[in-house]
Amino acid sequence: MIYGLESYGFCKEGEALDFIQDGRMELDGELPLNTFGGSLGTGRIHGLWHIIEGALQASGRAGERQVKDVNVSFVGASPPIVTGTTSSSSGSRISQKAATP
């Protein structure tokens, strides 16, 4: 997660730990992460849930995990298997779900 936040430009290198403090990663925070439970919560099926969750969030079908007012998703992947980051955005609000690459 830390590497993903820094490498995708959500924060500068070395700033991710400070960046995620004070509830920023909570479902109702500025940048929600792992709203589906993360790779460990889904049986580590090589990042497939990042793609599924991105589609559910962007289409407003994530149920109790739904981030408010989301209409765009981004899924980033790291080889050799898909592990990565799912981001959703609406206007200036960005929501981010990430797995440690």
PDB file of N, CA and C in Angstrom:
ATOM      1  N   MET A   1       0.818  -1.174   0.000  1.00  0.00           N
ATOM      2  CA  MET A   1       0.000   0.000   0.000  1.00  0.00           C
ATOM      3  C   MET A   1       0.871   1.249   0.000  1.00  0.00           C
ATOM      4  N   ILE A   2       1.889   1.274   0.856  1.00  0.00           N
ATOM      5  CA  ILE A   2       2.765   2.442   0.948  1.00  0.00           C
ATOM      6  C   ILE A   2       3.446   2.697  -0.390  1.00  0.00           C
ATOM      7  N   TYR A   3       4.006   1.653  -0.978  1.00  0.00           N
ATOM      8  CA  TYR A   3       4.680   1.778  -2.272  1.00  0.00           C
ATOM      9  C   TYR A   3       3.706   2.266  -3.341  1.00  0.00           C
ATOM     10  N   GLY A   4       2.503   1.727  -3.351  1.00  0.00           N
ATOM     11  CA  GLY A   4       1.502   2.124  -4.337  1.00  0.00           C
ATOM     12  C   GLY A   4       1.127   3.596  -4.230  1.00  0.00           C
ATOM     13  N   LEU A   5       0.902   4.078  -3.032  1.00  0.00           N
ATOM     14  CA  LEU A   5       0.556   5.490  -2.843  1.00  0.00           C
ATOM     15  C   LEU A   5       1.651   6.405  -3.373  1.00  0.00           C
ATOM     16  N   GLU A   6       2.885   6.026  -3.118  1.00  0.00           N
ATOM     17  CA  GLU A   6       4.014   6.846  -3.566  1.00  0.00           C
ATOM     18  C   GLU A   6       4.262   6.699  -5.064  1.00  0.00           C
ATOM     19  N   SER A   7       4.252   5.466  -5.577  1.00  0.00           N
ATOM     20  CA  SER A   7       4.583   5.263  -6.991  1.00  0.00           C
ATOM     21  C   SER A   7       3.497   5.768  -7.939  1.00  0.00           C
ATOM     22  N   TYR A   8       2.246   5.793  -7.510  1.00  0.00           N
ATOM     23  CA  TYR A   8       1.175   6.329  -8.359  1.00  0.00           C
ATOM     24  C   TYR A   8       0.962   7.825  -8.155  1.00  0.00           C
ATOM     25  N   GLY A   9       1.765   8.450  -7.306  1.00  0.00           N
ATOM     26  CA  GLY A   9       1.751   9.897  -7.179  1.00  0.00           C
ATOM     27  C   GLY A   9       0.729  10.487  -6.218  1.00  0.00           C
ATOM     28  N   PHE A  10       0.143   9.672  -5.351  1.00  0.00           N
ATOM     29  CA  PHE A  10      -0.786  10.213  -4.368  1.00  0.00           C
ATOM     30  C   PHE A  10      -0.037  11.032  -3.318  1.00  0.00           C
ATOM     31  N   CYS A  11       1.237  10.703  -3.118  1.00  0.00           N
ATOM     32  CA  CYS A  11       2.107  11.472  -2.242  1.00  0.00           C
ATOM     33  C   CYS A  11       3.544  11.271  -2.710  1.00  0.00           C
ATOM     34  N   LYS A  12       4.450  12.071  -2.176  1.00  0.00           N
ATOM     35  CA  LYS A  12       5.850  11.966  -2.564  1.00  0.00           C
ATOM     36  C   LYS A  12       6.514  10.779  -1.871  1.00  0.00           C
ATOM     37  N   GLU A  13       7.617  10.305  -2.446  1.00  0.00           N
ATOM     38  CA  GLU A  13       8.366   9.195  -1.871  1.00  0.00           C
ATOM     39  C   GLU A  13       8.777   9.528  -0.438  1.00  0.00           C
ATOM     40  N   GLY A  14       8.535   8.578   0.455  1.00  0.00           N
ATOM     41  CA  GLY A  14       8.865   8.757   1.858  1.00  0.00           C
ATOM     42  C   GLY A  14       7.792   9.451   2.681  1.00  0.00           C
ATOM     43  N   GLU A  15       6.686   9.853   2.056  1.00  0.00           N
ATOM     44  CA  GLU A  15       5.632  10.580   2.768  1.00  0.00           C
ATOM     45  C   GLU A  15       4.359   9.772   2.999  1.00  0.00           C
ATOM     46  N   ALA A  16       4.305   8.544   2.532  1.00  0.00           N
ATOM     47  CA  ALA A  16       3.065   7.765   2.585  1.00  0.00           C
ATOM     48  C   ALA A  16       2.571   7.500   4.004  1.00  0.00           C
ATOM     49  N   LEU A  17       3.464   7.188   4.927  1.00  0.00           N
ATOM     50  CA  LEU A  17       3.017   6.918   6.300  1.00  0.00           C
ATOM     51  C   LEU A  17       2.327   8.132   6.915  1.00  0.00           C
ATOM     52  N   ASP A  18       2.872   9.295   6.713  1.00  0.00           N
ATOM     53  CA  ASP A  18       2.222  10.509   7.213  1.00  0.00           C
ATOM     54  C   ASP A  18       0.940  10.791   6.443  1.00  0.00           C
ATOM     55  N   PHE A  19       0.946  10.500   5.148  1.00  0.00           N
ATOM     56  CA  PHE A  19      -0.192  10.761   4.271  1.00  0.00           C
ATOM     57  C   PHE A  19      -1.455  10.006   4.696  1.00  0.00           C
ATOM     58  N   ILE A  20      -1.287   8.799   5.245  1.00  0.00           N
ATOM     59  CA  ILE A  20      -2.452   7.958   5.559  1.00  0.00           C
ATOM     60  C   ILE A  20      -2.987   8.143   6.978  1.00  0.00           C
ATOM     61  N   GLN A  21      -2.443   9.060   7.749  1.00  0.00           N
ATOM     62  CA  GLN A  21      -2.865   9.258   9.135  1.00  0.00           C
ATOM     63  C   GLN A  21      -4.200  10.008   9.244  1.00  0.00           C
ATOM     64  N   ASP A  22      -4.734  10.040  10.442  1.00  0.00           N
ATOM     65  CA  ASP A  22      -5.916  10.834  10.811  1.00  0.00           C
ATOM     66  C   ASP A  22      -7.178  10.472  10.039  1.00  0.00           C
ATOM     67  N   GLY A  23      -7.379   9.171   9.781  1.00  0.00           N
ATOM     68  CA  GLY A  23      -8.615   8.718   9.164  1.00  0.00           C
ATOM     69  C   GLY A  23      -8.714   8.918   7.661  1.00  0.00           C
ATOM     70  N   ARG A  24      -7.659   9.334   7.028  1.00  0.00           N
ATOM     71  CA  ARG A  24      -7.681   9.588   5.586  1.00  0.00           C
ATOM     72  C   ARG A  24      -8.065   8.334   4.796  1.00  0.00           C
ATOM     73  N   MET A  25      -7.737   7.133   5.331  1.00  0.00           N
ATOM     74  CA  MET A  25      -8.007   5.879   4.629  1.00  0.00           C
ATOM     75  C   MET A  25      -9.360   5.266   4.964  1.00  0.00           C
ATOM     76  N   GLU A  26     -10.079   5.815   5.901  1.00  0.00           N
ATOM     77  CA  GLU A  26     -11.380   5.262   6.291  1.00  0.00           C
ATOM     78  C   GLU A  26     -12.388   5.402   5.145  1.00  0.00           C
ATOM     79  N   LEU A  27     -13.453   4.615   5.171  1.00  0.00           N
ATOM     80  CA  LEU A  27     -14.459   4.643   4.117  1.00  0.00           C
ATOM     81  C   LEU A  27     -15.010   6.042   3.881  1.00  0.00           C
ATOM     82  N   ASP A  28     -15.168   6.832   4.946  1.00  0.00           N
ATOM     83  CA  ASP A  28     -15.670   8.192   4.790  1.00  0.00           C
ATOM     84  C   ASP A  28     -14.547   9.232   4.797  1.00  0.00           C
ATOM     85  N   GLY A  29     -13.295   8.764   4.711  1.00  0.00           N
ATOM     86  CA  GLY A  29     -12.147   9.659   4.704  1.00  0.00           C
ATOM     87  C   GLY A  29     -11.878  10.240   3.320  1.00  0.00           C
ATOM     88  N   GLU A  30     -10.853  11.039   3.232  1.00  0.00           N
ATOM     89  CA  GLU A  30     -10.482  11.692   1.980  1.00  0.00           C
ATOM     90  C   GLU A  30     -10.024  10.690   0.924  1.00  0.00           C
ATOM     91  N   LEU A  31      -9.401   9.596   1.348  1.00  0.00           N
ATOM     92  CA  LEU A  31      -8.833   8.624   0.420  1.00  0.00           C
ATOM     93  C   LEU A  31      -9.054   7.201   0.933  1.00  0.00           C
ATOM     94  N   PRO A  32     -10.283   6.668   0.865  1.00  0.00           N
ATOM     95  CA  PRO A  32     -10.563   5.325   1.384  1.00  0.00           C
ATOM     96  C   PRO A  32      -9.723   4.254   0.687  1.00  0.00           C
ATOM     97  N   LEU A  33      -9.142   3.361   1.478  1.00  0.00           N
ATOM     98  CA  LEU A  33      -8.313   2.275   0.949  1.00  0.00           C
ATOM     99  C   LEU A  33      -8.895   0.923   1.338  1.00  0.00           C
ATOM    100  N   ASN A  34      -8.766  -0.036   0.433  1.00  0.00           N
ATOM    101  CA  ASN A  34      -9.175  -1.414   0.689  1.00  0.00           C
ATOM    102  C   ASN A  34     -10.621  -1.527   1.173  1.00  0.00           C
ATOM    103  N   THR A  35     -11.535  -0.889   0.480  1.00  0.00           N
ATOM    104  CA  THR A  35     -12.935  -0.915   0.901  1.00  0.00           C
ATOM    105  C   THR A  35     -13.538  -2.316   0.798  1.00  0.00           C
ATOM    106  N   PHE A  36     -12.911  -3.192   0.041  1.00  0.00           N
ATOM    107  CA  PHE A  36     -13.398  -4.566  -0.104  1.00  0.00           C
ATOM    108  C   PHE A  36     -12.689  -5.525   0.829  1.00  0.00           C
ATOM    109  N   GLY A  37     -11.790  -5.039   1.666  1.00  0.00           N
ATOM    110  CA  GLY A  37     -11.065  -5.882   2.612  1.00  0.00           C
ATOM    111  C   GLY A  37      -9.624  -6.139   2.211  1.00  0.00           C
ATOM    112  N   GLY A  38      -9.216  -5.739   1.031  1.00  0.00           N
ATOM    113  CA  GLY A  38      -7.843  -5.946   0.586  1.00  0.00           C
ATOM    114  C   GLY A  38      -7.606  -7.371   0.123  1.00  0.00           C
ATOM    115  N   SER A  39      -6.425  -7.608  -0.397  1.00  0.00           N
ATOM    116  CA  SER A  39      -6.106  -8.927  -0.953  1.00  0.00           C
ATOM    117  C   SER A  39      -6.167 -10.037   0.083  1.00  0.00           C
ATOM    118  N   LEU A  40      -5.762  -9.770   1.319  1.00  0.00           N
ATOM    119  CA  LEU A  40      -5.844 -10.803   2.349  1.00  0.00           C
ATOM    120  C   LEU A  40      -7.292 -11.141   2.681  1.00  0.00           C
ATOM    121  N   GLY A  41      -8.181 -10.160   2.606  1.00  0.00           N
ATOM    122  CA  GLY A  41      -9.592 -10.382   2.905  1.00  0.00           C
ATOM    123  C   GLY A  41     -10.350 -11.100   1.805  1.00  0.00           C
ATOM    124  N   THR A  42      -9.719 -11.272   0.653  1.00  0.00           N
ATOM    125  CA  THR A  42     -10.398 -11.917  -0.476  1.00  0.00           C
ATOM    126  C   THR A  42      -9.695 -13.176  -0.942  1.00  0.00           C
ATOM    127  N   GLY A  43      -8.820 -13.715  -0.128  1.00  0.00           N
ATOM    128  CA  GLY A  43      -8.176 -14.969  -0.468  1.00  0.00           C
ATOM    129  C   GLY A  43      -7.008 -14.831  -1.429  1.00  0.00           C
ATOM    130  N   ARG A  44      -6.493 -13.623  -1.608  1.00  0.00           N
ATOM    131  CA  ARG A  44      -5.324 -13.377  -2.442  1.00  0.00           C
ATOM    132  C   ARG A  44      -5.469 -13.983  -3.831  1.00  0.00           C
ATOM    133  N   ILE A  45      -6.504 -13.597  -4.530  1.00  0.00           N
ATOM    134  CA  ILE A  45      -6.713 -14.110  -5.887  1.00  0.00           C
ATOM    135  C   ILE A  45      -6.064 -13.189  -6.913  1.00  0.00           C
ATOM    136  N   HIS A  46      -4.832 -12.796  -6.622  1.00  0.00           N
ATOM    137  CA  HIS A  46      -3.966 -12.056  -7.541  1.00  0.00           C
ATOM    138  C   HIS A  46      -4.542 -10.749  -8.033  1.00  0.00           C
ATOM    139  N   GLY A  47      -5.212 -10.020  -7.177  1.00  0.00           N
ATOM    140  CA  GLY A  47      -5.661  -8.679  -7.507  1.00  0.00           C
ATOM    141  C   GLY A  47      -6.984  -8.576  -8.235  1.00  0.00           C
ATOM    142  N   LEU A  48      -7.621  -9.697  -8.532  1.00  0.00           N
ATOM    143  CA  LEU A  48      -8.887  -9.654  -9.260  1.00  0.00           C
ATOM    144  C   LEU A  48      -9.917  -8.780  -8.558  1.00  0.00           C
ATOM    145  N   TRP A  49      -9.938  -8.813  -7.216  1.00  0.00           N
ATOM    146  CA  TRP A  49     -10.925  -8.013  -6.491  1.00  0.00           C
ATOM    147  C   TRP A  49     -10.694  -6.524  -6.629  1.00  0.00           C
ATOM    148  N   HIS A  50      -9.476  -6.089  -6.951  1.00  0.00           N
ATOM    149  CA  HIS A  50      -9.252  -4.665  -7.220  1.00  0.00           C
ATOM    150  C   HIS A  50     -10.049  -4.248  -8.455  1.00  0.00           C
ATOM    151  N   ILE A  51     -10.030  -5.091  -9.464  1.00  0.00           N
ATOM    152  CA  ILE A  51     -10.773  -4.809 -10.699  1.00  0.00           C
ATOM    153  C   ILE A  51     -12.273  -4.842 -10.432  1.00  0.00           C
ATOM    154  N   ILE A  52     -12.724  -5.871  -9.729  1.00  0.00           N
ATOM    155  CA  ILE A  52     -14.146  -6.000  -9.412  1.00  0.00           C
ATOM    156  C   ILE A  52     -14.611  -4.830  -8.556  1.00  0.00           C
ATOM    157  N   GLU A  53     -13.848  -4.500  -7.511  1.00  0.00           N
ATOM    158  CA  GLU A  53     -14.246  -3.407  -6.618  1.00  0.00           C
ATOM    159  C   GLU A  53     -14.249  -2.074  -7.354  1.00  0.00           C
ATOM    160  N   GLY A  54     -13.288  -1.855  -8.236  1.00  0.00           N
ATOM    161  CA  GLY A  54     -13.276  -0.624  -9.024  1.00  0.00           C
ATOM    162  C   GLY A  54     -14.539  -0.470  -9.849  1.00  0.00           C
ATOM    163  N   ALA A  55     -14.967  -1.570 -10.475  1.00  0.00           N
ATOM    164  CA  ALA A  55     -16.192  -1.538 -11.278  1.00  0.00           C
ATOM    165  C   ALA A  55     -17.420  -1.322 -10.397  1.00  0.00           C
ATOM    166  N   LEU A  56     -17.476  -2.001  -9.262  1.00  0.00           N
ATOM    167  CA  LEU A  56     -18.611  -1.831  -8.348  1.00  0.00           C
ATOM    168  C   LEU A  56     -18.681  -0.404  -7.819  1.00  0.00           C
ATOM    169  N   GLN A  57     -17.549   0.157  -7.405  1.00  0.00           N
ATOM    170  CA  GLN A  57     -17.533   1.521  -6.884  1.00  0.00           C
ATOM    171  C   GLN A  57     -17.953   2.522  -7.961  1.00  0.00           C
ATOM    172  N   ALA A  58     -17.385   2.399  -9.169  1.00  0.00           N
ATOM    173  CA  ALA A  58     -17.678   3.352 -10.248  1.00  0.00           C
ATOM    174  C   ALA A  58     -19.133   3.291 -10.686  1.00  0.00           C
ATOM    175  N   SER A  59     -19.750   2.115 -10.563  1.00  0.00           N
ATOM    176  CA  SER A  59     -21.146   1.971 -10.990  1.00  0.00           C
ATOM    177  C   SER A  59     -22.139   2.156  -9.845  1.00  0.00           C
ATOM    178  N   GLY A  60     -21.641   2.454  -8.643  1.00  0.00           N
ATOM    179  CA  GLY A  60     -22.529   2.691  -7.504  1.00  0.00           C
ATOM    180  C   GLY A  60     -23.156   1.440  -6.941  1.00  0.00           C
ATOM    181  N   ARG A  61     -22.513   0.268  -7.137  1.00  0.00           N
ATOM    182  CA  ARG A  61     -23.087  -1.007  -6.694  1.00  0.00           C
ATOM    183  C   ARG A  61     -22.274  -1.707  -5.615  1.00  0.00           C
ATOM    184  N   ALA A  62     -21.512  -0.954  -4.814  1.00  0.00           N
ATOM    185  CA  ALA A  62     -20.660  -1.571  -3.796  1.00  0.00           C
ATOM    186  C   ALA A  62     -21.377  -1.755  -2.455  1.00  0.00           C
ATOM    187  N   GLY A  63     -22.660  -1.483  -2.410  1.00  0.00           N
ATOM    188  CA  GLY A  63     -23.437  -1.706  -1.191  1.00  0.00           C
ATOM    189  C   GLY A  63     -22.939  -0.894  -0.014  1.00  0.00           C
ATOM    190  N   GLU A  64     -22.792  -1.553   1.152  1.00  0.00           N
ATOM    191  CA  GLU A  64     -22.374  -0.846   2.358  1.00  0.00           C
ATOM    192  C   GLU A  64     -20.937  -0.322   2.267  1.00  0.00           C
ATOM    193  N   ARG A  65     -20.169  -0.803   1.285  1.00  0.00           N
ATOM    194  CA  ARG A  65     -18.797  -0.322   1.075  1.00  0.00           C
ATOM    195  C   ARG A  65     -18.735   0.868   0.126  1.00  0.00           C
ATOM    196  N   GLN A  66     -19.865   1.295  -0.420  1.00  0.00           N
ATOM    197  CA  GLN A  66     -19.884   2.338  -1.449  1.00  0.00           C
ATOM    198  C   GLN A  66     -19.310   3.651  -0.942  1.00  0.00           C
ATOM    199  N   VAL A  67     -18.338   4.185  -1.699  1.00  0.00           N
ATOM    200  CA  VAL A  67     -17.791   5.510  -1.423  1.00  0.00           C
ATOM    201  C   VAL A  67     -18.731   6.517  -2.079  1.00  0.00           C
ATOM    202  N   LYS A  68     -19.119   7.531  -1.333  1.00  0.00           N
ATOM    203  CA  LYS A  68     -20.107   8.508  -1.796  1.00  0.00           C
ATOM    204  C   LYS A  68     -19.616   9.283  -3.029  1.00  0.00           C
ATOM    205  N   ASP A  69     -20.498   9.444  -4.006  1.00  0.00           N
ATOM    206  CA  ASP A  69     -20.278  10.280  -5.187  1.00  0.00           C
ATOM    207  C   ASP A  69     -19.107   9.858  -6.074  1.00  0.00           C
ATOM    208  N   VAL A  70     -18.802   8.577  -6.157  1.00  0.00           N
ATOM    209  CA  VAL A  70     -17.715   8.094  -7.016  1.00  0.00           C
ATOM    210  C   VAL A  70     -18.248   7.831  -8.412  1.00  0.00           C
ATOM    211  N   ASN A  71     -17.482   8.245  -9.438  1.00  0.00           N
ATOM    212  CA  ASN A  71     -17.907   7.947 -10.806  1.00  0.00           C
ATOM    213  C   ASN A  71     -16.767   7.551 -11.737  1.00  0.00           C
ATOM    214  N   VAL A  72     -15.526   7.452 -11.233  1.00  0.00           N
ATOM    215  CA  VAL A  72     -14.374   7.054 -12.042  1.00  0.00           C
ATOM    216  C   VAL A  72     -13.500   6.118 -11.217  1.00  0.00           C
ATOM    217  N   SER A  73     -12.980   5.065 -11.857  1.00  0.00           N
ATOM    218  CA  SER A  73     -12.062   4.160 -11.168  1.00  0.00           C
ATOM    219  C   SER A  73     -10.777   3.998 -11.947  1.00  0.00           C
ATOM    220  N   PHE A  74      -9.694   3.753 -11.238  1.00  0.00           N
ATOM    221  CA  PHE A  74      -8.374   3.487 -11.799  1.00  0.00           C
ATOM    222  C   PHE A  74      -7.843   2.234 -11.137  1.00  0.00           C
ATOM    223  N   VAL A  75      -7.394   1.275 -11.936  1.00  0.00           N
ATOM    224  CA  VAL A  75      -6.781   0.072 -11.395  1.00  0.00           C
ATOM    225  C   VAL A  75      -5.365   0.002 -11.934  1.00  0.00           C
ATOM    226  N   GLY A  76      -4.397  -0.013 -11.050  1.00  0.00           N
ATOM    227  CA  GLY A  76      -2.996  -0.137 -11.435  1.00  0.00           C
ATOM    228  C   GLY A  76      -2.504  -1.515 -11.043  1.00  0.00           C
ATOM    229  N   ALA A  77      -1.628  -2.094 -11.836  1.00  0.00           N
ATOM    230  CA  ALA A  77      -1.155  -3.449 -11.578  1.00  0.00           C
ATOM    231  C   ALA A  77       0.359  -3.512 -11.573  1.00  0.00           C
ATOM    232  N   SER A  78       0.888  -4.471 -10.837  1.00  0.00           N
ATOM    233  CA  SER A  78       2.322  -4.719 -10.773  1.00  0.00           C
ATOM    234  C   SER A  78       2.594  -6.151 -11.227  1.00  0.00           C
ATOM    235  N   PRO A  79       3.516  -6.351 -12.157  1.00  0.00           N
ATOM    236  CA  PRO A  79       3.835  -7.706 -12.593  1.00  0.00           C
ATOM    237  C   PRO A  79       4.583  -8.450 -11.496  1.00  0.00           C
ATOM    238  N   PRO A  80       4.652  -9.759 -11.502  1.00  0.00           N
ATOM    239  CA  PRO A  80       4.181 -10.644 -12.563  1.00  0.00           C
ATOM    240  C   PRO A  80       2.718 -11.023 -12.416  1.00  0.00           C
ATOM    241  N   ILE A  81       2.126 -10.757 -11.252  1.00  0.00           N
ATOM    242  CA  ILE A  81       0.700 -11.012 -11.068  1.00  0.00           C
ATOM    243  C   ILE A  81       0.021  -9.688 -10.771  1.00  0.00           C
ATOM    244  N   VAL A  82      -1.274  -9.639 -10.939  1.00  0.00           N
ATOM    245  CA  VAL A  82      -1.993  -8.389 -10.716  1.00  0.00           C
ATOM    246  C   VAL A  82      -2.155  -8.151  -9.223  1.00  0.00           C
ATOM    247  N   THR A  83      -1.373  -7.248  -8.704  1.00  0.00           N
ATOM    248  CA  THR A  83      -1.590  -6.700  -7.365  1.00  0.00           C
ATOM    249  C   THR A  83      -1.482  -5.211  -7.581  1.00  0.00           C
ATOM    250  N   GLY A  84      -2.201  -4.428  -6.900  1.00  0.00           N
ATOM    251  CA  GLY A  84      -2.088  -3.025  -7.207  1.00  0.00           C
ATOM    252  C   GLY A  84      -3.049  -2.135  -6.495  1.00  0.00           C
ATOM    253  N   THR A  85      -3.532  -1.168  -7.236  1.00  0.00           N
ATOM    254  CA  THR A  85      -4.286  -0.072  -6.676  1.00  0.00           C
ATOM    255  C   THR A  85      -5.570   0.135  -7.445  1.00  0.00           C
ATOM    256  N   THR A  86      -6.660   0.351  -6.748  1.00  0.00           N
ATOM    257  CA  THR A  86      -7.912   0.731  -7.366  1.00  0.00           C
ATOM    258  C   THR A  86      -8.280   2.094  -6.820  1.00  0.00           C
ATOM    259  N   SER A  87      -8.474   3.065  -7.691  1.00  0.00           N
ATOM    260  CA  SER A  87      -8.833   4.411  -7.266  1.00  0.00           C
ATOM    261  C   SER A  87     -10.136   4.818  -7.914  1.00  0.00           C
ATOM    262  N   SER A  88     -10.953   5.545  -7.204  1.00  0.00           N
ATOM    263  CA  SER A  88     -12.198   6.065  -7.745  1.00  0.00           C
ATOM    264  C   SER A  88     -12.274   7.538  -7.440  1.00  0.00           C
ATOM    265  N   SER A  89     -12.859   8.314  -8.338  1.00  0.00           N
ATOM    266  CA  SER A  89     -12.853   9.757  -8.149  1.00  0.00           C
ATOM    267  C   SER A  89     -14.153  10.400  -8.585  1.00  0.00           C
ATOM    268  N   SER A  90     -14.526  11.451  -7.911  1.00  0.00           N
ATOM    269  CA  SER A  90     -15.652  12.287  -8.307  1.00  0.00           C
ATOM    270  C   SER A  90     -15.259  13.720  -8.037  1.00  0.00           C
ATOM    271  N   GLY A  91     -15.083  14.494  -9.080  1.00  0.00           N
ATOM    272  CA  GLY A  91     -14.646  15.873  -8.901  1.00  0.00           C
ATOM    273  C   GLY A  91     -13.300  15.930  -8.224  1.00  0.00           C
ATOM    274  N   SER A  92     -13.193  16.664  -7.110  1.00  0.00           N
ATOM    275  CA  SER A  92     -11.920  16.798  -6.419  1.00  0.00           C
ATOM    276  C   SER A  92     -11.698  15.686  -5.384  1.00  0.00           C
ATOM    277  N   ARG A  93     -12.711  14.858  -5.152  1.00  0.00           N
ATOM    278  CA  ARG A  93     -12.567  13.778  -4.172  1.00  0.00           C
ATOM    279  C   ARG A  93     -11.987  12.546  -4.846  1.00  0.00           C
ATOM    280  N   ILE A  94     -10.986  11.965  -4.257  1.00  0.00           N
ATOM    281  CA  ILE A  94     -10.394  10.745  -4.784  1.00  0.00           C
ATOM    282  C   ILE A  94     -10.511   9.683  -3.723  1.00  0.00           C
ATOM    283  N   SER A  95     -10.958   8.496  -4.118  1.00  0.00           N
ATOM    284  CA  SER A  95     -10.961   7.388  -3.172  1.00  0.00           C
ATOM    285  C   SER A  95     -10.010   6.345  -3.710  1.00  0.00           C
ATOM    286  N   GLN A  96      -9.236   5.769  -2.847  1.00  0.00           N
ATOM    287  CA  GLN A  96      -8.176   4.865  -3.258  1.00  0.00           C
ATOM    288  C   GLN A  96      -8.209   3.601  -2.446  1.00  0.00           C
ATOM    289  N   LYS A  97      -8.204   2.444  -3.116  1.00  0.00           N
ATOM    290  CA  LYS A  97      -8.075   1.162  -2.470  1.00  0.00           C
ATOM    291  C   LYS A  97      -6.781   0.568  -2.970  1.00  0.00           C
ATOM    292  N   ALA A  98      -5.922   0.150  -2.110  1.00  0.00           N
ATOM    293  CA  ALA A  98      -4.631  -0.332  -2.585  1.00  0.00           C
ATOM    294  C   ALA A  98      -4.223  -1.622  -1.886  1.00  0.00           C
ATOM    295  N   ALA A  99      -3.509  -2.427  -2.594  1.00  0.00           N
ATOM    296  CA  ALA A  99      -2.869  -3.610  -2.019  1.00  0.00           C
ATOM    297  C   ALA A  99      -1.380  -3.397  -2.127  1.00  0.00           C
ATOM    298  N   THR A 100      -0.637  -3.987  -1.232  1.00  0.00           N
ATOM    299  CA  THR A 100       0.809  -3.834  -1.287  1.00  0.00           C
ATOM    300  C   THR A 100       1.347  -4.582  -2.483  1.00  0.00           C
ATOM    301  N   PRO A 101       1.985  -3.873  -3.415  1.00  0.00           N
ATOM    302  CA  PRO A 101       2.559  -4.536  -4.602  1.00  0.00           C
ATOM    303  C   PRO A 101       3.731  -5.403  -4.217  1.00  0.00           C
TER     304      PRO A 101
END
